Every structure is written in structure tokens, then in C-alpha cells.
Amino acid sequence: MSPLPVTLLVVAKAPEPGRAKTRLAATVGDRVAAEIAAAALLDTLDAAAAAPVAARVVALTGNLDGAAGAADIRCRLESFTVIGQRGDNFADRLANAHADAHSRSGGLPVLQIGMDTPQVTDELLTRCARRLLQAQGVLGPACDGGWWILGLQTPAAAECLRGVPMSQPDTGELTLKALRDNGIGVTPVELLTDVDVVDDVAAVREACDPASRFARVTRAAGL
């Protein structure tokens, strides 16, 4: 099968203890939270690497030198074009990452995910990529009111993200409104639970392959 003409973009943060998954760390501690974040990132990168898309980009922030799982993450990143995140806040970094990924891949539509949904599979990403090829945009809501995936045909469409408050219970709703207010038709895709706090862990693990890193690490942590 020929690769789908889509760039898959993963926006990620190095899982450094004390900097990664701080809300989860408030319950389980900095080191365990970082190990869970590393597992989630690696599972996400595995799914992204297996999806039949034309280009794969990781927009990374943070320092891998002190991160949990650093060696495994560096090895897995060899399958991706890695760029740095740029911008003063998360909304700016998202918009800039869309623009940079679009440019680095020769102008392909960009399908962007984070690292908080380790249950994602290459099959699900493939379905979302196919939908993006038939729409101006796709948006996948998260159970906490945010969103876990956003696909757009052009980086100009991502500019409206700069005015959307991020990490709020209504971020998903506000993102959808901003896109539609800018004339961008949005096709919805599957609802997923992302991992932010300890109460999210069981539901996400249930949706993961039992042999996944996320499932193994969270079971070992007694969560």
C-alpha cells in the first residue's frame, strides 16, 4: 500500500522527573510519573511509526539527557524527523509545530497528536489520516474536555489555535468553535481518554494492549 500523503506530527515533552506529568506526580512521585510519561511516549511513537503515512515528525521540548527512558526514546526517534518546539506558550507551540511540520514535509496535511493517549493504534491513526484527506480538518475529543488529535490541511488553519486557552475543561469546545469561526469544516473522530491524573490511569490501561509499556509500567507501580 502506498503511504498516505499525510504528515503525522507528535508533539512531545521529554519525560524529565519533576517536569513531566506534574499532576500525576502529585500522587505517585516525580520518578514514577516520568516513567509513566516515557512509557506513554514510546507506545505513541510505536503506533505513529507503524502508520502508513508519508512523513513523521516529532516536535520535542525538554532535555532528554535527564529523562526517564532516554536511551529507548532516542532509538525510537531515529524513525522520525525531530524538530524543536518554539513559542512562548503551549498554544503558540502547537500552531508553530503545525507550520514547521507542514514545511518540513513538503506541504502535506498535518495530523497532530500528543503523548497522553498511549492506547492509540496505527489502525486508528490510519483512519484519522484517511478522514483528513477528505476534509478540511479533523478533531478528536478527549474525555476531560480537551482534544487528543487535530488534523488540518494547511498551517494557516492552525493559526486560530493561538487564541484558544489550553488545558481547560472547555478547550475542545473552544478549539472546534475557533476552527469553524475561521471557515474550517471539521470532521469529528473517536473520543479517547488521555492521561493527566492518577484517576485516568485505569481507563487508559484498559484500552491499551496488555503487553504495552504503559500497561506494564502502571501495573508495576501498583496503579
N, C-alpha and C. Protein backbone atom coordinates (compact mmCIF):
# COMPACT_ATOMS: atom_id res chain seq x y z
N MET A 1 0.84 -1.19 0.00
CA MET A 1 0.00 0.00 0.00
C MET A 1 0.87 1.24 0.00
N SER A 2 0.55 2.18 -0.86
CA SER A 2 1.31 3.43 -0.91
C SER A 2 1.04 4.25 0.35
N PRO A 3 2.06 4.96 0.84
CA PRO A 3 1.84 5.79 2.03
C PRO A 3 0.78 6.85 1.78
N LEU A 4 -0.01 7.12 2.79
CA LEU A 4 -0.99 8.19 2.70
C LEU A 4 -0.26 9.53 2.69
N PRO A 5 -0.67 10.47 1.83
CA PRO A 5 0.03 11.76 1.74
C PRO A 5 -0.33 12.69 2.90
N VAL A 6 0.11 12.28 4.07
CA VAL A 6 -0.17 13.00 5.32
C VAL A 6 1.11 13.00 6.16
N THR A 7 1.35 14.09 6.88
CA THR A 7 2.42 14.13 7.88
C THR A 7 1.81 13.87 9.25
N LEU A 8 2.33 12.88 9.94
CA LEU A 8 1.91 12.59 11.31
C LEU A 8 2.85 13.31 12.26
N LEU A 9 2.31 14.21 13.05
CA LEU A 9 3.09 15.05 13.95
C LEU A 9 2.79 14.66 15.40
N VAL A 10 3.84 14.34 16.15
CA VAL A 10 3.71 14.06 17.58
C VAL A 10 4.33 15.23 18.34
N VAL A 11 3.52 15.90 19.14
CA VAL A 11 4.01 16.99 19.99
C VAL A 11 4.32 16.39 21.35
N ALA A 12 5.60 16.44 21.74
CA ALA A 12 6.04 15.67 22.91
C ALA A 12 6.94 16.50 23.81
N LYS A 13 7.00 16.05 25.06
CA LYS A 13 7.84 16.66 26.08
C LYS A 13 8.74 15.58 26.67
N ALA A 14 10.02 15.88 26.78
CA ALA A 14 10.94 14.91 27.37
C ALA A 14 10.46 14.55 28.79
N PRO A 15 10.37 13.27 29.10
CA PRO A 15 9.85 12.85 30.42
C PRO A 15 10.88 13.00 31.54
N GLU A 16 11.17 14.24 31.89
CA GLU A 16 12.14 14.53 32.95
C GLU A 16 11.42 14.51 34.31
N PRO A 17 11.96 13.82 35.29
CA PRO A 17 11.35 13.84 36.63
C PRO A 17 11.25 15.27 37.15
N GLY A 18 10.09 15.60 37.67
CA GLY A 18 9.85 16.93 38.17
C GLY A 18 9.29 17.89 37.14
N ARG A 19 9.36 17.49 35.87
CA ARG A 19 8.84 18.35 34.79
C ARG A 19 7.75 17.66 33.97
N ALA A 20 7.69 16.35 34.04
CA ALA A 20 6.73 15.59 33.25
C ALA A 20 5.57 15.13 34.14
N LYS A 21 4.36 15.25 33.61
CA LYS A 21 3.18 14.74 34.28
C LYS A 21 3.11 15.21 35.73
N THR A 22 3.15 16.52 35.92
CA THR A 22 3.22 17.06 37.27
C THR A 22 1.95 16.80 38.08
N ARG A 23 0.79 16.78 37.43
CA ARG A 23 -0.44 16.47 38.17
C ARG A 23 -0.45 15.02 38.62
N LEU A 24 0.03 14.13 37.78
CA LEU A 24 0.16 12.72 38.16
C LEU A 24 1.23 12.57 39.24
N ALA A 25 2.31 13.33 39.11
CA ALA A 25 3.41 13.24 40.07
C ALA A 25 2.98 13.64 41.48
N ALA A 26 1.97 14.49 41.58
CA ALA A 26 1.50 14.89 42.91
C ALA A 26 0.99 13.70 43.70
N THR A 27 0.61 12.63 43.00
CA THR A 27 0.12 11.41 43.66
C THR A 27 1.18 10.32 43.73
N VAL A 28 1.91 10.12 42.61
CA VAL A 28 2.79 8.96 42.53
C VAL A 28 4.27 9.31 42.67
N GLY A 29 4.61 10.58 42.69
CA GLY A 29 6.01 10.99 42.78
C GLY A 29 6.61 11.30 41.43
N ASP A 30 7.68 12.09 41.43
CA ASP A 30 8.27 12.57 40.19
C ASP A 30 8.84 11.44 39.33
N ARG A 31 9.56 10.50 39.93
CA ARG A 31 10.20 9.45 39.14
C ARG A 31 9.19 8.52 38.50
N VAL A 32 8.20 8.08 39.24
CA VAL A 32 7.18 7.18 38.67
C VAL A 32 6.39 7.91 37.59
N ALA A 33 6.05 9.16 37.82
CA ALA A 33 5.32 9.92 36.81
C ALA A 33 6.13 10.04 35.52
N ALA A 34 7.43 10.26 35.65
CA ALA A 34 8.29 10.35 34.47
C ALA A 34 8.38 9.01 33.75
N GLU A 35 8.44 7.92 34.50
CA GLU A 35 8.49 6.60 33.87
C GLU A 35 7.18 6.30 33.13
N ILE A 36 6.06 6.72 33.70
CA ILE A 36 4.77 6.54 33.02
C ILE A 36 4.72 7.40 31.76
N ALA A 37 5.21 8.63 31.86
CA ALA A 37 5.24 9.51 30.68
C ALA A 37 6.12 8.92 29.58
N ALA A 38 7.27 8.36 29.96
CA ALA A 38 8.15 7.75 28.97
C ALA A 38 7.46 6.57 28.28
N ALA A 39 6.78 5.74 29.07
CA ALA A 39 6.06 4.60 28.50
C ALA A 39 4.98 5.07 27.54
N ALA A 40 4.23 6.10 27.93
CA ALA A 40 3.18 6.62 27.07
C ALA A 40 3.75 7.18 25.77
N LEU A 41 4.87 7.89 25.87
CA LEU A 41 5.50 8.45 24.68
C LEU A 41 5.98 7.34 23.75
N LEU A 42 6.64 6.34 24.30
CA LEU A 42 7.16 5.25 23.46
C LEU A 42 6.04 4.46 22.79
N ASP A 43 4.97 4.18 23.51
CA ASP A 43 3.83 3.49 22.89
C ASP A 43 3.23 4.34 21.77
N THR A 44 3.14 5.64 22.00
CA THR A 44 2.61 6.54 20.98
C THR A 44 3.51 6.55 19.74
N LEU A 45 4.82 6.63 19.96
CA LEU A 45 5.75 6.64 18.83
C LEU A 45 5.72 5.32 18.07
N ASP A 46 5.52 4.20 18.77
CA ASP A 46 5.39 2.92 18.08
C ASP A 46 4.20 2.93 17.13
N ALA A 47 3.07 3.42 17.62
CA ALA A 47 1.87 3.48 16.77
C ALA A 47 2.09 4.41 15.59
N ALA A 48 2.71 5.55 15.84
CA ALA A 48 2.96 6.51 14.76
C ALA A 48 3.91 5.94 13.72
N ALA A 49 4.93 5.23 14.19
CA ALA A 49 5.90 4.65 13.26
C ALA A 49 5.28 3.58 12.38
N ALA A 50 4.26 2.90 12.88
CA ALA A 50 3.62 1.82 12.13
C ALA A 50 2.54 2.32 11.18
N ALA A 51 2.07 3.54 11.34
CA ALA A 51 1.02 4.07 10.47
C ALA A 51 1.58 4.34 9.08
N PRO A 52 0.84 3.99 8.04
CA PRO A 52 1.35 4.13 6.67
C PRO A 52 1.19 5.55 6.13
N VAL A 53 1.96 6.48 6.67
CA VAL A 53 1.90 7.88 6.25
C VAL A 53 3.22 8.25 5.57
N ALA A 54 3.19 9.35 4.83
CA ALA A 54 4.35 9.73 4.03
C ALA A 54 5.46 10.36 4.86
N ALA A 55 5.11 10.99 5.98
CA ALA A 55 6.12 11.66 6.80
C ALA A 55 5.73 11.60 8.26
N ARG A 56 6.76 11.56 9.11
CA ARG A 56 6.55 11.51 10.56
C ARG A 56 7.48 12.51 11.22
N VAL A 57 6.91 13.38 12.04
CA VAL A 57 7.67 14.44 12.69
C VAL A 57 7.36 14.42 14.18
N VAL A 58 8.37 14.63 15.00
CA VAL A 58 8.19 14.85 16.44
C VAL A 58 8.66 16.26 16.76
N ALA A 59 7.77 17.06 17.34
CA ALA A 59 8.13 18.38 17.87
C ALA A 59 8.39 18.20 19.35
N LEU A 60 9.63 18.33 19.76
CA LEU A 60 10.06 17.95 21.11
C LEU A 60 10.50 19.17 21.90
N THR A 61 10.12 19.19 23.17
CA THR A 61 10.64 20.17 24.10
C THR A 61 11.21 19.45 25.31
N GLY A 62 12.13 20.11 26.01
CA GLY A 62 12.76 19.50 27.17
C GLY A 62 14.09 18.84 26.84
N ASN A 63 14.72 18.29 27.85
CA ASN A 63 16.06 17.72 27.74
C ASN A 63 16.00 16.21 27.95
N LEU A 64 16.34 15.47 26.91
CA LEU A 64 16.31 14.02 27.02
C LEU A 64 17.44 13.47 27.90
N ASP A 65 18.48 14.25 28.11
CA ASP A 65 19.63 13.74 28.86
C ASP A 65 19.24 13.24 30.25
N GLY A 66 18.32 13.93 30.90
CA GLY A 66 17.91 13.52 32.24
C GLY A 66 16.55 12.86 32.28
N ALA A 67 16.04 12.45 31.14
CA ALA A 67 14.68 11.92 31.06
C ALA A 67 14.62 10.43 31.36
N ALA A 68 13.49 9.99 31.87
CA ALA A 68 13.24 8.56 32.00
C ALA A 68 13.17 7.93 30.61
N GLY A 69 13.73 6.74 30.47
CA GLY A 69 13.67 6.04 29.20
C GLY A 69 14.43 6.70 28.08
N ALA A 70 15.44 7.52 28.41
CA ALA A 70 16.10 8.33 27.40
C ALA A 70 16.69 7.50 26.26
N ALA A 71 17.36 6.40 26.58
CA ALA A 71 18.01 5.60 25.54
C ALA A 71 16.98 5.02 24.57
N ASP A 72 15.88 4.50 25.11
CA ASP A 72 14.84 3.93 24.25
C ASP A 72 14.18 5.01 23.41
N ILE A 73 13.97 6.17 23.99
CA ILE A 73 13.33 7.26 23.25
C ILE A 73 14.24 7.73 22.12
N ARG A 74 15.53 7.90 22.40
CA ARG A 74 16.45 8.32 21.34
C ARG A 74 16.47 7.30 20.19
N CYS A 75 16.45 6.03 20.52
CA CYS A 75 16.44 4.99 19.49
C CYS A 75 15.18 5.07 18.65
N ARG A 76 14.04 5.24 19.29
CA ARG A 76 12.77 5.29 18.57
C ARG A 76 12.67 6.55 17.70
N LEU A 77 13.25 7.65 18.17
CA LEU A 77 13.19 8.91 17.41
C LEU A 77 13.98 8.85 16.12
N GLU A 78 14.81 7.85 15.95
CA GLU A 78 15.54 7.70 14.69
C GLU A 78 14.60 7.49 13.51
N SER A 79 13.37 7.06 13.79
CA SER A 79 12.38 6.84 12.73
C SER A 79 11.62 8.11 12.37
N PHE A 80 11.94 9.22 13.02
CA PHE A 80 11.19 10.45 12.86
C PHE A 80 12.12 11.62 12.51
N THR A 81 11.55 12.63 11.88
CA THR A 81 12.21 13.93 11.80
C THR A 81 11.91 14.65 13.10
N VAL A 82 12.94 15.06 13.82
CA VAL A 82 12.76 15.70 15.12
C VAL A 82 13.03 17.19 14.99
N ILE A 83 12.08 17.99 15.44
CA ILE A 83 12.23 19.44 15.44
C ILE A 83 11.99 19.95 16.86
N GLY A 84 12.51 21.11 17.17
CA GLY A 84 12.25 21.71 18.46
C GLY A 84 10.94 22.47 18.46
N GLN A 85 10.31 22.52 19.62
CA GLN A 85 9.12 23.36 19.75
C GLN A 85 9.56 24.81 19.92
N ARG A 86 8.75 25.73 19.43
CA ARG A 86 9.06 27.15 19.59
C ARG A 86 7.78 27.92 19.89
N GLY A 87 7.89 28.90 20.76
CA GLY A 87 6.73 29.69 21.15
C GLY A 87 6.73 29.93 22.64
N ASP A 88 6.02 30.97 23.06
CA ASP A 88 6.01 31.38 24.46
C ASP A 88 5.00 30.63 25.31
N ASN A 89 4.02 30.00 24.67
CA ASN A 89 3.01 29.23 25.41
C ASN A 89 2.62 28.02 24.58
N PHE A 90 1.82 27.14 25.18
CA PHE A 90 1.50 25.88 24.51
C PHE A 90 0.71 26.10 23.22
N ALA A 91 -0.21 27.06 23.22
CA ALA A 91 -0.99 27.32 22.01
C ALA A 91 -0.08 27.77 20.87
N ASP A 92 0.86 28.65 21.16
CA ASP A 92 1.80 29.09 20.13
C ASP A 92 2.66 27.93 19.65
N ARG A 93 3.11 27.08 20.57
CA ARG A 93 3.95 25.95 20.17
C ARG A 93 3.19 24.98 19.27
N LEU A 94 1.91 24.79 19.54
CA LEU A 94 1.11 23.93 18.67
C LEU A 94 1.00 24.51 17.27
N ALA A 95 0.64 25.79 17.19
CA ALA A 95 0.49 26.42 15.88
C ALA A 95 1.81 26.40 15.11
N ASN A 96 2.91 26.69 15.80
CA ASN A 96 4.21 26.68 15.15
C ASN A 96 4.62 25.28 14.72
N ALA A 97 4.27 24.28 15.53
CA ALA A 97 4.62 22.90 15.17
C ALA A 97 3.88 22.47 13.91
N HIS A 98 2.62 22.88 13.77
CA HIS A 98 1.89 22.57 12.53
C HIS A 98 2.59 23.21 11.34
N ALA A 99 2.99 24.47 11.49
CA ALA A 99 3.66 25.15 10.38
C ALA A 99 4.99 24.50 10.04
N ASP A 100 5.77 24.16 11.06
CA ASP A 100 7.10 23.58 10.83
C ASP A 100 6.99 22.19 10.22
N ALA A 101 6.05 21.38 10.71
CA ALA A 101 5.87 20.03 10.17
C ALA A 101 5.39 20.10 8.72
N HIS A 102 4.49 21.02 8.44
CA HIS A 102 3.99 21.20 7.08
C HIS A 102 5.14 21.56 6.14
N SER A 103 5.99 22.48 6.59
CA SER A 103 7.12 22.91 5.77
C SER A 103 8.14 21.79 5.57
N ARG A 104 8.45 21.07 6.64
CA ARG A 104 9.48 20.02 6.56
C ARG A 104 9.04 18.85 5.70
N SER A 105 7.73 18.68 5.52
CA SER A 105 7.24 17.53 4.76
C SER A 105 6.82 17.88 3.34
N GLY A 106 7.14 19.08 2.91
CA GLY A 106 6.81 19.45 1.55
C GLY A 106 5.37 19.86 1.33
N GLY A 107 4.70 20.30 2.39
CA GLY A 107 3.36 20.83 2.23
C GLY A 107 2.23 19.84 2.39
N LEU A 108 2.48 18.71 3.01
CA LEU A 108 1.42 17.72 3.23
C LEU A 108 0.50 18.17 4.38
N PRO A 109 -0.76 17.72 4.36
CA PRO A 109 -1.63 17.95 5.52
C PRO A 109 -0.99 17.36 6.78
N VAL A 110 -1.28 17.96 7.93
CA VAL A 110 -0.66 17.55 9.19
C VAL A 110 -1.72 16.98 10.13
N LEU A 111 -1.45 15.78 10.62
CA LEU A 111 -2.29 15.12 11.62
C LEU A 111 -1.49 15.07 12.91
N GLN A 112 -1.93 15.82 13.92
CA GLN A 112 -1.14 16.01 15.14
C GLN A 112 -1.76 15.33 16.35
N ILE A 113 -0.90 14.64 17.10
CA ILE A 113 -1.30 14.03 18.37
C ILE A 113 -0.30 14.43 19.44
N GLY A 114 -0.65 14.14 20.70
CA GLY A 114 0.27 14.35 21.80
C GLY A 114 0.82 13.02 22.28
N MET A 115 1.21 12.96 23.55
CA MET A 115 1.80 11.74 24.10
C MET A 115 0.99 11.23 25.30
N ASP A 116 -0.26 11.70 25.40
CA ASP A 116 -1.09 11.36 26.56
C ASP A 116 -2.12 10.28 26.26
N THR A 117 -2.08 9.71 25.06
CA THR A 117 -3.05 8.66 24.69
C THR A 117 -2.29 7.43 24.19
N PRO A 118 -1.61 6.71 25.08
CA PRO A 118 -0.82 5.57 24.65
C PRO A 118 -1.64 4.42 24.11
N GLN A 119 -2.95 4.48 24.26
CA GLN A 119 -3.82 3.44 23.70
C GLN A 119 -4.02 3.59 22.20
N VAL A 120 -3.54 4.69 21.63
CA VAL A 120 -3.72 4.92 20.20
C VAL A 120 -3.01 3.81 19.42
N THR A 121 -3.60 3.42 18.30
CA THR A 121 -3.04 2.37 17.46
C THR A 121 -2.75 2.91 16.07
N ASP A 122 -1.93 2.18 15.33
CA ASP A 122 -1.67 2.59 13.95
C ASP A 122 -2.94 2.53 13.11
N GLU A 123 -3.83 1.58 13.43
CA GLU A 123 -5.09 1.50 12.68
C GLU A 123 -5.95 2.73 12.90
N LEU A 124 -6.03 3.20 14.15
CA LEU A 124 -6.81 4.40 14.45
C LEU A 124 -6.19 5.62 13.77
N LEU A 125 -4.88 5.74 13.83
CA LEU A 125 -4.22 6.87 13.17
C LEU A 125 -4.44 6.83 11.66
N THR A 126 -4.45 5.63 11.11
CA THR A 126 -4.69 5.50 9.66
C THR A 126 -6.10 5.96 9.31
N ARG A 127 -7.09 5.56 10.10
CA ARG A 127 -8.46 6.01 9.84
C ARG A 127 -8.56 7.53 9.91
N CYS A 128 -7.91 8.12 10.90
CA CYS A 128 -7.95 9.58 11.04
C CYS A 128 -7.26 10.26 9.85
N ALA A 129 -6.14 9.70 9.40
CA ALA A 129 -5.44 10.26 8.25
C ALA A 129 -6.31 10.19 7.00
N ARG A 130 -7.01 9.09 6.81
CA ARG A 130 -7.90 8.97 5.65
C ARG A 130 -9.03 10.00 5.72
N ARG A 131 -9.56 10.22 6.90
CA ARG A 131 -10.62 11.22 7.04
C ARG A 131 -10.09 12.61 6.75
N LEU A 132 -8.85 12.89 7.17
CA LEU A 132 -8.28 14.21 6.91
C LEU A 132 -8.14 14.46 5.41
N LEU A 133 -7.84 13.43 4.66
CA LEU A 133 -7.69 13.61 3.21
C LEU A 133 -9.01 13.96 2.53
N GLN A 134 -10.11 13.78 3.25
CA GLN A 134 -11.42 14.09 2.68
C GLN A 134 -12.09 15.26 3.38
N ALA A 135 -11.35 16.00 4.20
CA ALA A 135 -11.94 17.08 4.99
C ALA A 135 -10.94 18.21 5.15
N GLN A 136 -11.45 19.38 5.56
CA GLN A 136 -10.56 20.49 5.87
C GLN A 136 -9.84 20.26 7.20
N GLY A 137 -10.51 19.57 8.11
CA GLY A 137 -9.90 19.30 9.39
C GLY A 137 -10.58 18.15 10.09
N VAL A 138 -9.86 17.53 11.02
CA VAL A 138 -10.44 16.50 11.88
C VAL A 138 -10.06 16.84 13.32
N LEU A 139 -10.95 16.50 14.24
CA LEU A 139 -10.71 16.79 15.66
C LEU A 139 -11.24 15.64 16.49
N GLY A 140 -10.39 15.11 17.37
CA GLY A 140 -10.81 14.02 18.24
C GLY A 140 -10.91 14.51 19.67
N PRO A 141 -12.10 14.49 20.25
CA PRO A 141 -12.27 15.00 21.62
C PRO A 141 -11.69 14.04 22.66
N ALA A 142 -11.30 14.62 23.79
CA ALA A 142 -10.84 13.84 24.94
C ALA A 142 -11.88 13.93 26.04
N CYS A 143 -11.91 12.92 26.90
CA CYS A 143 -12.94 12.85 27.93
C CYS A 143 -12.86 13.99 28.94
N ASP A 144 -11.70 14.62 29.07
CA ASP A 144 -11.57 15.71 30.03
C ASP A 144 -11.98 17.06 29.46
N GLY A 145 -12.50 17.06 28.24
CA GLY A 145 -12.94 18.31 27.62
C GLY A 145 -11.94 18.91 26.66
N GLY A 146 -10.77 18.32 26.58
CA GLY A 146 -9.78 18.77 25.61
C GLY A 146 -9.90 18.00 24.30
N TRP A 147 -8.79 17.83 23.62
CA TRP A 147 -8.77 17.01 22.41
C TRP A 147 -7.44 16.27 22.33
N TRP A 148 -7.46 15.12 21.64
CA TRP A 148 -6.25 14.30 21.56
C TRP A 148 -5.65 14.28 20.17
N ILE A 149 -6.40 14.66 19.15
CA ILE A 149 -5.87 14.66 17.79
C ILE A 149 -6.49 15.81 17.02
N LEU A 150 -5.66 16.43 16.18
CA LEU A 150 -6.11 17.54 15.33
C LEU A 150 -5.42 17.42 13.99
N GLY A 151 -6.20 17.35 12.95
CA GLY A 151 -5.66 17.29 11.60
C GLY A 151 -6.12 18.48 10.79
N LEU A 152 -5.19 19.11 10.08
CA LEU A 152 -5.50 20.29 9.28
C LEU A 152 -4.78 20.23 7.95
N GLN A 153 -5.42 20.78 6.93
CA GLN A 153 -4.83 20.77 5.60
C GLN A 153 -3.68 21.76 5.46
N THR A 154 -3.76 22.89 6.15
CA THR A 154 -2.76 23.94 5.99
C THR A 154 -2.35 24.51 7.34
N PRO A 155 -1.12 25.05 7.45
CA PRO A 155 -0.72 25.69 8.71
C PRO A 155 -1.50 26.96 8.98
N ALA A 156 -2.03 27.60 7.93
CA ALA A 156 -2.86 28.79 8.16
C ALA A 156 -4.07 28.45 9.01
N ALA A 157 -4.61 27.25 8.84
CA ALA A 157 -5.77 26.83 9.61
C ALA A 157 -5.42 26.70 11.09
N ALA A 158 -4.15 26.40 11.40
CA ALA A 158 -3.73 26.22 12.79
C ALA A 158 -3.50 27.54 13.51
N GLU A 159 -3.48 28.64 12.78
CA GLU A 159 -3.21 29.94 13.41
C GLU A 159 -4.25 30.29 14.46
N CYS A 160 -5.48 29.83 14.28
CA CYS A 160 -6.53 30.16 15.24
C CYS A 160 -6.29 29.52 16.60
N LEU A 161 -5.40 28.52 16.67
CA LEU A 161 -5.10 27.89 17.96
C LEU A 161 -4.45 28.87 18.92
N ARG A 162 -3.80 29.89 18.40
CA ARG A 162 -3.09 30.83 19.27
C ARG A 162 -4.03 31.54 20.24
N GLY A 163 -5.30 31.66 19.89
CA GLY A 163 -6.25 32.34 20.75
C GLY A 163 -7.09 31.42 21.60
N VAL A 164 -6.78 30.12 21.59
CA VAL A 164 -7.57 29.14 22.35
C VAL A 164 -6.87 28.83 23.67
N PRO A 165 -7.55 29.01 24.80
CA PRO A 165 -6.96 28.62 26.09
C PRO A 165 -6.78 27.09 26.14
N MET A 166 -5.58 26.67 26.48
CA MET A 166 -5.28 25.25 26.50
C MET A 166 -5.38 24.67 27.92
N SER A 167 -5.53 23.35 27.98
CA SER A 167 -5.57 22.60 29.24
C SER A 167 -6.70 23.07 30.14
N GLN A 168 -7.85 23.35 29.54
CA GLN A 168 -9.06 23.72 30.28
C GLN A 168 -10.17 22.72 29.97
N PRO A 169 -11.20 22.65 30.81
CA PRO A 169 -12.30 21.72 30.55
C PRO A 169 -13.07 22.01 29.26
N ASP A 170 -12.94 23.23 28.73
CA ASP A 170 -13.66 23.57 27.50
C ASP A 170 -12.72 23.81 26.33
N THR A 171 -11.47 23.33 26.42
CA THR A 171 -10.52 23.54 25.34
C THR A 171 -11.00 22.91 24.04
N GLY A 172 -11.56 21.72 24.11
CA GLY A 172 -12.06 21.06 22.91
C GLY A 172 -13.16 21.85 22.25
N GLU A 173 -14.12 22.30 23.05
CA GLU A 173 -15.23 23.08 22.53
C GLU A 173 -14.74 24.40 21.92
N LEU A 174 -13.81 25.05 22.60
CA LEU A 174 -13.28 26.32 22.10
C LEU A 174 -12.45 26.13 20.84
N THR A 175 -11.72 25.03 20.75
CA THR A 175 -10.95 24.74 19.55
C THR A 175 -11.88 24.52 18.36
N LEU A 176 -12.91 23.74 18.56
CA LEU A 176 -13.88 23.50 17.49
C LEU A 176 -14.53 24.80 17.04
N LYS A 177 -14.90 25.65 17.99
CA LYS A 177 -15.51 26.94 17.65
C LYS A 177 -14.54 27.82 16.86
N ALA A 178 -13.28 27.87 17.31
CA ALA A 178 -12.29 28.70 16.62
C ALA A 178 -12.08 28.24 15.19
N LEU A 179 -12.01 26.95 14.99
CA LEU A 179 -11.85 26.43 13.63
C LEU A 179 -13.05 26.78 12.76
N ARG A 180 -14.24 26.53 13.27
CA ARG A 180 -15.44 26.80 12.47
C ARG A 180 -15.63 28.29 12.24
N ASP A 181 -15.28 29.12 13.23
CA ASP A 181 -15.38 30.58 13.05
C ASP A 181 -14.44 31.07 11.96
N ASN A 182 -13.40 30.29 11.68
CA ASN A 182 -12.46 30.64 10.62
C ASN A 182 -12.75 29.91 9.32
N GLY A 183 -13.96 29.36 9.23
CA GLY A 183 -14.42 28.75 7.98
C GLY A 183 -13.85 27.38 7.70
N ILE A 184 -13.35 26.70 8.72
CA ILE A 184 -12.75 25.40 8.54
C ILE A 184 -13.75 24.32 8.93
N GLY A 185 -14.13 23.51 7.97
CA GLY A 185 -15.02 22.40 8.24
C GLY A 185 -14.30 21.30 9.01
N VAL A 186 -14.92 20.80 10.07
CA VAL A 186 -14.26 19.84 10.95
C VAL A 186 -15.04 18.54 10.99
N THR A 187 -14.34 17.44 10.74
CA THR A 187 -14.91 16.11 10.86
C THR A 187 -14.51 15.52 12.21
N PRO A 188 -15.47 15.13 13.04
CA PRO A 188 -15.11 14.55 14.34
C PRO A 188 -14.60 13.12 14.20
N VAL A 189 -13.68 12.73 15.08
CA VAL A 189 -13.21 11.35 15.14
C VAL A 189 -13.38 10.86 16.58
N GLU A 190 -12.86 9.68 16.87
CA GLU A 190 -13.15 8.99 18.12
C GLU A 190 -12.81 9.79 19.38
N LEU A 191 -13.62 9.57 20.40
CA LEU A 191 -13.37 10.10 21.74
C LEU A 191 -12.40 9.18 22.46
N LEU A 192 -11.35 9.75 23.08
CA LEU A 192 -10.40 8.97 23.86
C LEU A 192 -10.20 9.61 25.23
N THR A 193 -9.73 8.80 26.18
CA THR A 193 -9.31 9.31 27.48
C THR A 193 -7.81 9.54 27.44
N ASP A 194 -7.37 10.72 27.89
CA ASP A 194 -5.93 10.94 27.99
C ASP A 194 -5.50 10.88 29.45
N VAL A 195 -4.20 10.76 29.65
CA VAL A 195 -3.65 10.55 31.00
C VAL A 195 -3.13 11.87 31.55
N ASP A 196 -3.80 12.39 32.54
CA ASP A 196 -3.34 13.61 33.22
C ASP A 196 -3.14 13.38 34.72
N VAL A 197 -4.08 12.64 35.33
CA VAL A 197 -4.05 12.41 36.77
C VAL A 197 -4.18 10.91 37.04
N VAL A 198 -3.98 10.52 38.28
CA VAL A 198 -3.95 9.10 38.60
C VAL A 198 -5.28 8.42 38.31
N ASP A 199 -6.39 9.14 38.42
CA ASP A 199 -7.69 8.54 38.16
C ASP A 199 -7.89 8.18 36.70
N ASP A 200 -7.04 8.69 35.80
CA ASP A 200 -7.14 8.36 34.38
C ASP A 200 -6.45 7.05 34.03
N VAL A 201 -5.57 6.59 34.90
CA VAL A 201 -4.67 5.50 34.53
C VAL A 201 -5.42 4.22 34.20
N ALA A 202 -6.36 3.82 35.04
CA ALA A 202 -7.02 2.52 34.84
C ALA A 202 -7.79 2.47 33.53
N ALA A 203 -8.50 3.55 33.20
CA ALA A 203 -9.29 3.56 31.96
C ALA A 203 -8.39 3.50 30.73
N VAL A 204 -7.28 4.22 30.77
CA VAL A 204 -6.36 4.20 29.63
C VAL A 204 -5.69 2.84 29.52
N ARG A 205 -5.27 2.28 30.64
CA ARG A 205 -4.63 0.96 30.60
C ARG A 205 -5.59 -0.09 30.04
N GLU A 206 -6.85 0.00 30.41
CA GLU A 206 -7.86 -0.95 29.90
C GLU A 206 -7.96 -0.89 28.38
N ALA A 207 -7.71 0.29 27.81
CA ALA A 207 -7.80 0.46 26.36
C ALA A 207 -6.50 0.10 25.65
N CYS A 208 -5.43 -0.10 26.41
CA CYS A 208 -4.13 -0.44 25.83
C CYS A 208 -3.98 -1.94 25.63
N ASP A 209 -3.06 -2.33 24.78
CA ASP A 209 -2.63 -3.72 24.72
C ASP A 209 -2.03 -4.08 26.08
N PRO A 210 -2.39 -5.24 26.65
CA PRO A 210 -1.86 -5.62 27.97
C PRO A 210 -0.34 -5.70 27.99
N ALA A 211 0.28 -5.91 26.83
CA ALA A 211 1.73 -6.01 26.77
C ALA A 211 2.40 -4.65 26.51
N SER A 212 1.62 -3.60 26.41
CA SER A 212 2.20 -2.29 26.12
C SER A 212 3.07 -1.81 27.27
N ARG A 213 3.95 -0.88 26.97
CA ARG A 213 4.80 -0.31 28.01
C ARG A 213 3.96 0.37 29.08
N PHE A 214 2.95 1.13 28.64
CA PHE A 214 2.11 1.84 29.60
C PHE A 214 1.43 0.87 30.56
N ALA A 215 0.90 -0.23 30.03
CA ALA A 215 0.25 -1.21 30.89
C ALA A 215 1.25 -1.83 31.87
N ARG A 216 2.43 -2.17 31.38
CA ARG A 216 3.42 -2.81 32.25
C ARG A 216 3.91 -1.86 33.35
N VAL A 217 4.21 -0.62 32.98
CA VAL A 217 4.74 0.33 33.95
C VAL A 217 3.72 0.69 35.00
N THR A 218 2.48 0.92 34.59
CA THR A 218 1.46 1.31 35.57
C THR A 218 1.08 0.13 36.47
N ARG A 219 1.09 -1.08 35.94
CA ARG A 219 0.84 -2.24 36.81
C ARG A 219 1.96 -2.39 37.83
N ALA A 220 3.20 -2.21 37.37
CA ALA A 220 4.35 -2.34 38.28
C ALA A 220 4.32 -1.28 39.37
N ALA A 221 3.71 -0.13 39.06
CA ALA A 221 3.61 0.95 40.05
C ALA A 221 2.43 0.75 40.99
N GLY A 222 1.65 -0.30 40.78
CA GLY A 222 0.52 -0.60 41.63
C GLY A 222 -0.68 0.30 41.40
N LEU A 223 -0.79 0.85 40.19
CA LEU A 223 -1.88 1.79 39.90
C LEU A 223 -3.03 1.08 39.19
